[in-house]
């Protein structure tokens, strides 16, 4: 089945002329395109059936599963873009790092990086290491037809935090201590991680991804000063490496340094639920914005969800273009019917005035 996306009747068809890609380039279409972070995942019963008995990282390495899981929300919701089903530690696993995704915990490292000798486990990522990614993307592009596919990778700081902490962390105290105590080691660590993320995205773009998102889960733990000084340059390296397609940069809790994230090379700035989109647009003038419905509110009364969708669409008009999304990923207990209702409401909305 080929999934189509809404185009202007005078323009050629294909992902490059889709509402989503045009919005990422700052062009206003007849309405805001919509997709959801983590739209392919635990909230879908069809996902749980496919994943039953299959470990997370194994599912990411099987092109048949990656293709099916990526397509599931596109079929169910009719969203305007697909997001490549993967995990931020997939490229680390592919180069031999001892990492696993533990259910209910997240990525866990067997040998955290705490010294220069520990860097030896981070060799460059070669295309042959992730041939399954190339195969998956090509299959998806074929199935998606005019609907664009978004490539996906973790940003250098978030990957480095997992590598240093050995797993998820509330305060990132080991990471921050290393960052400040051994700046040379920190530089070398982020240089290697940035090269790995860039190579991972490069494979996806070469195989046909129409856009990419660099996801910085933990950047909000930083001060703006530290982000600008010792993190932003490495995110910029990754984004610069894939400048042939639109680049979305999203971080959680990063409202205070959205301009710095934009300056890293983002074509679209992702905004979490903490900051109104019109204020975000004011902070990153000239940039399209993406967001930012609070995913927790998807459990509220339908009238509340409708009002929030309408508010966010109105606020998004303050930017050159707006890609409707959540302010973070879909929560596991989200009712898929609610997401379908959100998509329907966004797609029924008229062009901004």
Protein backbone atom coordinates (compact mmCIF):
# COMPACT_ATOMS: atom_id res chain seq x y z
CA UNK A 1 0.00 0.00 0.00
CA UNK A 2 1.23 3.48 -0.85
CA UNK A 3 0.46 6.17 1.71
CA UNK A 4 -0.09 9.60 0.22
CA UNK A 5 0.32 13.06 1.72
CA UNK A 6 -1.44 16.28 0.85
CA UNK A 7 0.24 18.39 -1.84
CA UNK A 8 -0.53 21.63 -3.59
CA UNK A 9 -2.13 20.71 -6.93
CA UNK A 10 0.41 22.68 -8.98
CA UNK A 11 3.45 20.98 -7.43
CA UNK A 12 5.09 17.67 -8.31
CA UNK A 13 4.31 14.76 -6.03
CA UNK A 14 6.81 13.02 -3.79
CA UNK A 15 8.20 13.40 -0.27
CA UNK A 16 10.17 16.53 -1.17
CA UNK A 17 6.92 18.39 -1.96
CA UNK A 18 4.99 17.03 1.01
CA UNK A 19 3.43 19.35 3.56
CA UNK A 20 5.94 18.16 6.14
CA UNK A 21 9.10 18.82 4.11
CA UNK A 22 7.78 22.15 2.87
CA UNK A 23 7.02 23.21 6.45
CA UNK A 24 10.54 22.21 7.50
CA UNK A 25 11.81 24.55 4.80
CA UNK A 26 9.71 27.39 6.19
CA UNK A 27 6.90 27.24 3.64
CA UNK A 28 3.32 27.62 4.83
CA UNK A 29 0.96 25.04 3.42
CA UNK A 30 -2.82 24.80 3.62
CA UNK A 31 -2.44 23.43 7.17
CA UNK A 32 0.20 22.31 9.66
CA UNK A 33 1.59 18.82 9.05
CA UNK A 34 1.40 16.45 12.03
CA UNK A 35 3.40 13.51 13.33
CA UNK A 36 4.29 12.30 16.83
CA UNK A 37 7.56 11.47 18.49
CA UNK A 38 7.40 7.78 19.50
CA UNK A 39 4.33 7.32 17.32
CA UNK A 40 5.71 3.88 16.50
CA UNK A 41 5.85 2.07 19.81
CA UNK A 42 4.35 0.86 23.02
CA UNK A 43 1.03 2.65 22.81
CA UNK A 44 -0.02 0.54 19.80
CA UNK A 45 -1.42 -2.95 20.36
CA UNK A 46 -0.14 -4.01 16.94
CA UNK A 47 3.36 -2.96 18.03
CA UNK A 48 3.16 -5.03 21.20
CA UNK A 49 2.08 -8.05 19.18
CA UNK A 50 4.98 -7.72 16.77
CA UNK A 51 7.52 -7.12 19.55
CA UNK A 52 6.34 -9.96 21.81
CA UNK A 53 9.38 -11.97 22.88
CA UNK A 54 11.81 -9.88 20.80
CA UNK A 55 14.39 -7.72 22.63
CA UNK A 56 14.41 -4.02 21.75
CA UNK A 57 17.78 -3.86 20.03
CA UNK A 58 17.09 -7.06 18.10
CA UNK A 59 13.87 -5.54 16.77
CA UNK A 60 15.85 -2.49 15.60
CA UNK A 61 18.25 -4.73 13.66
CA UNK A 62 15.58 -6.69 11.75
CA UNK A 63 14.48 -4.86 8.59
CA UNK A 64 11.15 -6.70 8.48
CA UNK A 65 10.27 -5.52 11.99
CA UNK A 66 11.65 -2.01 11.51
CA UNK A 67 9.59 -1.60 8.36
CA UNK A 68 6.40 -2.96 9.89
CA UNK A 69 6.69 -0.97 13.12
CA UNK A 70 7.52 2.28 11.32
CA UNK A 71 4.49 1.82 9.05
CA UNK A 72 1.99 1.00 11.81
CA UNK A 73 1.18 4.56 12.93
CA UNK A 74 1.17 5.80 9.35
CA UNK A 75 -1.53 3.27 8.48
CA UNK A 76 -3.51 3.84 11.69
CA UNK A 77 -3.37 7.63 11.96
CA UNK A 78 -2.55 8.93 8.49
CA UNK A 79 0.17 11.17 9.91
CA UNK A 80 2.11 13.38 7.51
CA UNK A 81 5.50 11.79 8.18
CA UNK A 82 6.95 8.51 9.39
CA UNK A 83 9.74 8.39 11.97
CA UNK A 84 12.35 5.67 11.50
CA UNK A 85 11.94 3.02 14.20
CA UNK A 86 15.23 2.72 16.03
CA UNK A 87 16.95 3.54 19.31
CA UNK A 88 19.68 6.06 20.03
CA UNK A 89 22.08 3.31 21.15
CA UNK A 90 21.71 1.23 17.97
CA UNK A 91 24.88 2.69 16.40
CA UNK A 92 26.79 2.04 19.64
CA UNK A 93 25.67 -1.59 19.63
CA UNK A 94 26.62 -1.84 15.96
CA UNK A 95 30.27 -0.93 16.67
CA UNK A 96 30.54 -3.46 19.47
CA UNK A 97 29.78 -1.41 22.59
CA UNK A 98 28.39 -3.57 25.41
CA UNK A 99 24.95 -1.96 25.65
CA UNK A 100 21.44 -3.27 26.08
CA UNK A 101 18.03 -1.69 26.53
CA UNK A 102 16.52 -3.06 29.73
CA UNK A 103 12.70 -3.06 29.91
CA UNK A 104 11.51 -0.40 32.32
CA UNK A 105 15.03 1.01 32.70
CA UNK A 106 16.50 2.07 29.36
CA UNK A 107 20.01 1.77 27.92
CA UNK A 108 22.52 0.11 30.25
CA UNK A 109 26.26 -0.05 29.53
CA UNK A 110 28.48 -2.94 30.55
CA UNK A 111 31.63 -0.78 30.71
CA UNK A 112 30.99 2.95 31.25
CA UNK A 113 33.55 5.42 29.93
CA UNK A 114 35.43 6.98 32.81
CA UNK A 115 39.02 7.18 31.50
CA UNK A 116 40.92 7.68 28.26
CA UNK A 117 41.50 3.95 27.92
CA UNK A 118 37.72 3.45 27.91
CA UNK A 119 37.46 5.42 24.66
CA UNK A 120 38.89 2.45 22.77
CA UNK A 121 35.42 0.91 22.56
CA UNK A 122 34.25 3.80 20.37
CA UNK A 123 35.57 3.02 16.91
CA UNK A 124 34.12 4.81 13.84
CA UNK A 125 30.79 3.58 12.52
CA UNK A 126 31.05 2.17 9.00
CA UNK A 127 28.07 1.74 6.65
CA UNK A 128 28.55 -2.04 6.71
CA UNK A 129 27.98 -1.99 10.48
CA UNK A 130 24.38 -0.93 9.89
CA UNK A 131 23.44 -2.56 6.60
CA UNK A 132 20.11 -3.40 8.23
CA UNK A 133 19.43 0.34 8.50
CA UNK A 134 20.07 0.88 4.81
CA UNK A 135 17.82 -2.05 3.92
CA UNK A 136 15.07 -0.86 6.25
CA UNK A 137 15.08 2.72 5.00
CA UNK A 138 14.98 1.66 1.35
CA UNK A 139 12.05 -0.66 2.02
CA UNK A 140 10.22 2.08 3.90
CA UNK A 141 10.76 4.71 1.23
CA UNK A 142 9.29 2.30 -1.27
CA UNK A 143 6.23 1.59 0.88
CA UNK A 144 5.67 5.18 2.01
CA UNK A 145 5.46 6.62 -1.49
CA UNK A 146 4.76 10.34 -1.12
CA UNK A 147 4.90 10.30 2.68
CA UNK A 148 8.34 11.41 3.95
CA UNK A 149 10.51 9.36 6.27
CA UNK A 150 12.35 11.12 9.10
CA UNK A 151 15.77 9.75 10.01
CA UNK A 152 16.66 9.59 13.66
CA UNK A 153 19.74 9.76 15.92
CA UNK A 154 20.69 10.67 19.44
CA UNK A 155 22.61 13.90 19.99
CA UNK A 156 26.21 13.72 21.23
CA UNK A 157 25.51 14.91 24.79
CA UNK A 158 22.72 12.41 25.41
CA UNK A 159 24.76 9.52 24.01
CA UNK A 160 27.81 10.63 25.99
CA UNK A 161 25.74 10.81 29.17
CA UNK A 162 24.62 7.20 28.77
CA UNK A 163 28.19 6.15 28.02
CA UNK A 164 29.61 7.91 31.08
CA UNK A 165 26.84 7.22 33.58
CA UNK A 166 26.38 3.63 32.46
CA UNK A 167 22.62 4.10 32.14
CA UNK A 168 19.85 6.64 32.76
CA UNK A 169 20.63 9.31 35.35
CA UNK A 170 18.52 11.90 37.15
CA UNK A 171 21.29 14.39 37.81
CA UNK A 172 24.09 13.41 35.37
CA UNK A 173 26.59 14.03 38.12
CA UNK A 174 29.28 11.70 36.73
CA UNK A 175 28.90 13.22 33.28
CA UNK A 176 29.14 16.80 34.56
CA UNK A 177 32.11 15.96 36.76
CA UNK A 178 34.01 14.48 33.81
CA UNK A 179 32.99 17.38 31.54
CA UNK A 180 34.50 19.94 33.91
CA UNK A 181 37.37 17.93 35.40
CA UNK A 182 38.84 16.52 32.18
CA UNK A 183 37.84 18.77 29.29
CA UNK A 184 40.31 17.10 26.92
CA UNK A 185 38.75 13.67 27.51
CA UNK A 186 35.28 15.21 27.15
CA UNK A 187 36.27 16.74 23.82
CA UNK A 188 37.60 13.44 22.53
CA UNK A 189 34.52 11.57 23.75
CA UNK A 190 32.06 13.95 22.11
CA UNK A 191 34.13 14.08 18.93
CA UNK A 192 33.86 10.32 18.58
CA UNK A 193 30.17 10.22 19.48
CA UNK A 194 29.36 13.05 17.08
CA UNK A 195 31.10 11.17 14.26
CA UNK A 196 29.08 8.04 15.09
CA UNK A 197 25.76 9.93 15.09
CA UNK A 198 26.67 11.70 11.86
CA UNK A 199 27.52 8.41 10.16
CA UNK A 200 24.29 6.83 11.42
CA UNK A 201 22.20 9.67 10.01
CA UNK A 202 24.25 9.66 6.83
CA UNK A 203 23.29 6.06 6.12
CA UNK A 204 19.61 6.93 6.55
CA UNK A 205 19.80 9.98 4.29
CA UNK A 206 21.73 8.10 1.61
CA UNK A 207 19.04 5.41 1.63
CA UNK A 208 16.26 7.95 1.09
CA UNK A 209 15.21 9.64 4.37
CA UNK A 210 13.61 13.01 3.56
CA UNK A 211 14.55 14.75 6.83
CA UNK A 212 16.33 13.98 10.10
CA UNK A 213 15.77 14.64 13.78
CA UNK A 214 18.62 14.92 16.25
CA UNK A 215 17.16 14.07 19.66
CA UNK A 216 18.84 15.42 22.83
CA UNK A 217 16.95 13.82 25.71
CA UNK A 218 19.22 15.07 28.48
CA UNK A 219 20.45 18.47 27.26
CA UNK A 220 18.02 20.21 29.61
CA UNK A 221 20.20 19.14 32.52
CA UNK A 222 22.80 21.66 31.38
CA UNK A 223 23.18 25.38 31.87
CA UNK A 224 23.07 27.51 28.74
CA UNK A 225 26.72 28.37 29.33
CA UNK A 226 27.85 24.75 29.45
CA UNK A 227 25.68 23.83 26.48
CA UNK A 228 27.18 26.61 24.35
CA UNK A 229 30.74 25.88 25.42
CA UNK A 230 31.06 22.11 25.41
CA UNK A 231 27.99 20.59 23.75
CA UNK A 232 26.67 22.78 20.94
CA UNK A 233 29.79 22.46 18.75
CA UNK A 234 29.38 18.69 18.58
CA UNK A 235 25.68 18.79 17.78
CA UNK A 236 26.59 21.29 15.07
CA UNK A 237 29.02 18.77 13.56
CA UNK A 238 26.27 16.18 13.31
CA UNK A 239 23.72 18.56 11.82
CA UNK A 240 26.24 19.99 9.37
CA UNK A 241 27.01 16.49 8.07
CA UNK A 242 23.42 16.01 6.83
CA UNK A 243 22.75 19.47 5.45
CA UNK A 244 21.21 18.10 2.24
CA UNK A 245 17.85 17.43 3.98
CA UNK A 246 15.84 19.42 6.54
CA UNK A 247 17.18 19.01 10.07
CA UNK A 248 15.04 19.06 13.22
CA UNK A 249 16.78 19.55 16.55
CA UNK A 250 14.79 18.66 19.66
CA UNK A 251 15.75 18.66 23.31
CA UNK A 252 13.83 18.16 26.54
CA UNK A 253 13.89 21.05 29.02
CA UNK A 254 15.88 23.26 26.66
CA UNK A 255 13.64 26.34 26.57
CA UNK A 256 16.36 28.57 28.00
CA UNK A 257 18.76 27.87 25.14
CA UNK A 258 16.54 27.29 22.13
CA UNK A 259 18.50 29.94 20.18
CA UNK A 260 21.69 27.97 20.77
CA UNK A 261 20.04 24.82 19.46
CA UNK A 262 18.90 26.73 16.40
CA UNK A 263 22.41 28.08 15.88
CA UNK A 264 23.77 24.54 15.96
CA UNK A 265 22.31 24.12 12.48
CA UNK A 266 18.65 23.29 12.99
CA UNK A 267 16.26 24.06 10.16
CA UNK A 268 13.38 23.31 12.55
CA UNK A 269 13.51 23.80 16.32
CA UNK A 270 11.60 21.24 18.36
CA UNK A 271 9.92 22.66 21.47
CA UNK A 272 8.79 20.71 24.52
CA UNK A 273 5.52 21.45 26.33
CA UNK A 274 7.03 23.88 28.84
CA UNK A 275 7.20 26.89 26.54
CA UNK A 276 4.33 28.34 24.45
CA UNK A 277 5.06 28.03 20.75
CA UNK A 278 4.57 31.73 20.07
CA UNK A 279 7.23 32.51 22.68
CA UNK A 280 9.49 29.85 21.17
CA UNK A 281 9.01 31.44 17.74
CA UNK A 282 10.02 34.78 19.25
CA UNK A 283 13.23 33.23 20.63
CA UNK A 284 14.20 31.62 17.30
CA UNK A 285 13.05 34.20 14.73
CA UNK A 286 12.89 32.97 11.17
CA UNK A 287 12.88 29.28 12.13
CA UNK A 288 9.99 26.84 11.75
CA UNK A 289 9.00 25.26 15.06
CA UNK A 290 7.79 21.79 15.96
CA UNK A 291 5.56 20.86 18.88
CA UNK A 292 4.26 20.95 21.47
CA UNK A 293 1.19 19.30 23.05
CA UNK A 294 1.94 17.91 26.50
CA UNK A 295 1.76 14.12 26.02
CA UNK A 296 0.28 13.72 29.51
CA UNK A 297 -2.76 15.74 28.45
CA UNK A 298 -3.75 13.05 25.95
CA UNK A 299 -5.43 11.39 28.93
CA UNK A 300 -7.65 14.41 29.63
CA UNK A 301 -11.26 14.90 28.56
CA UNK A 302 -11.73 15.20 24.78
CA UNK A 303 -12.78 18.84 25.07
CA UNK A 304 -9.53 19.63 26.89
CA UNK A 305 -7.44 17.91 24.21
CA UNK A 306 -9.33 19.71 21.44
CA UNK A 307 -8.79 23.09 23.11
CA UNK A 308 -5.07 22.39 23.55
CA UNK A 309 -4.70 21.38 19.90
CA UNK A 310 -6.44 24.58 18.81
CA UNK A 311 -4.30 26.70 21.12
CA UNK A 312 -1.05 25.18 19.83
CA UNK A 313 -2.10 25.60 16.21
CA UNK A 314 -2.86 29.27 16.92
CA UNK A 315 0.48 29.79 18.69
CA UNK A 316 2.31 28.07 15.83
CA UNK A 317 1.19 30.84 13.49
CA UNK A 318 3.84 33.05 15.08
CA UNK A 319 6.56 31.06 13.28
CA UNK A 320 7.31 30.92 9.55
CA UNK A 321 5.89 27.38 9.60
CA UNK A 322 4.72 24.90 12.20
CA UNK A 323 4.96 21.12 12.40
CA UNK A 324 2.40 19.88 14.92
CA UNK A 325 3.77 17.33 17.37
CA UNK A 326 3.83 16.49 21.05
CA UNK A 327 6.21 18.19 23.45
CA UNK A 328 7.89 14.81 24.00
CA UNK A 329 7.20 11.21 23.02
CA UNK A 330 3.89 9.35 23.12
CA UNK A 331 3.45 7.79 26.57
CA UNK A 332 2.98 3.99 26.70
CA UNK A 333 -0.57 4.10 28.12
CA UNK A 334 -1.88 6.60 25.55
CA UNK A 335 -5.15 5.60 23.89
CA UNK A 336 -4.47 5.34 20.13
CA UNK A 337 -7.97 6.66 19.44
CA UNK A 338 -7.01 9.94 21.12
CA UNK A 339 -4.01 10.33 18.84
CA UNK A 340 -6.24 9.60 15.86
CA UNK A 341 -8.57 12.37 17.05
CA UNK A 342 -5.66 14.81 17.33
CA UNK A 343 -4.50 14.01 13.79
CA UNK A 344 -8.03 14.47 12.47
CA UNK A 345 -8.38 17.83 14.21
CA UNK A 346 -5.03 19.14 12.99
CA UNK A 347 -5.65 17.99 9.44
CA UNK A 348 -9.13 19.54 9.42
CA UNK A 349 -7.77 22.93 10.45
CA UNK A 350 -7.63 25.60 7.76
CA UNK A 351 -4.62 27.55 6.58
CA UNK A 352 -3.28 30.15 9.01
CA UNK A 353 -4.44 33.69 8.41
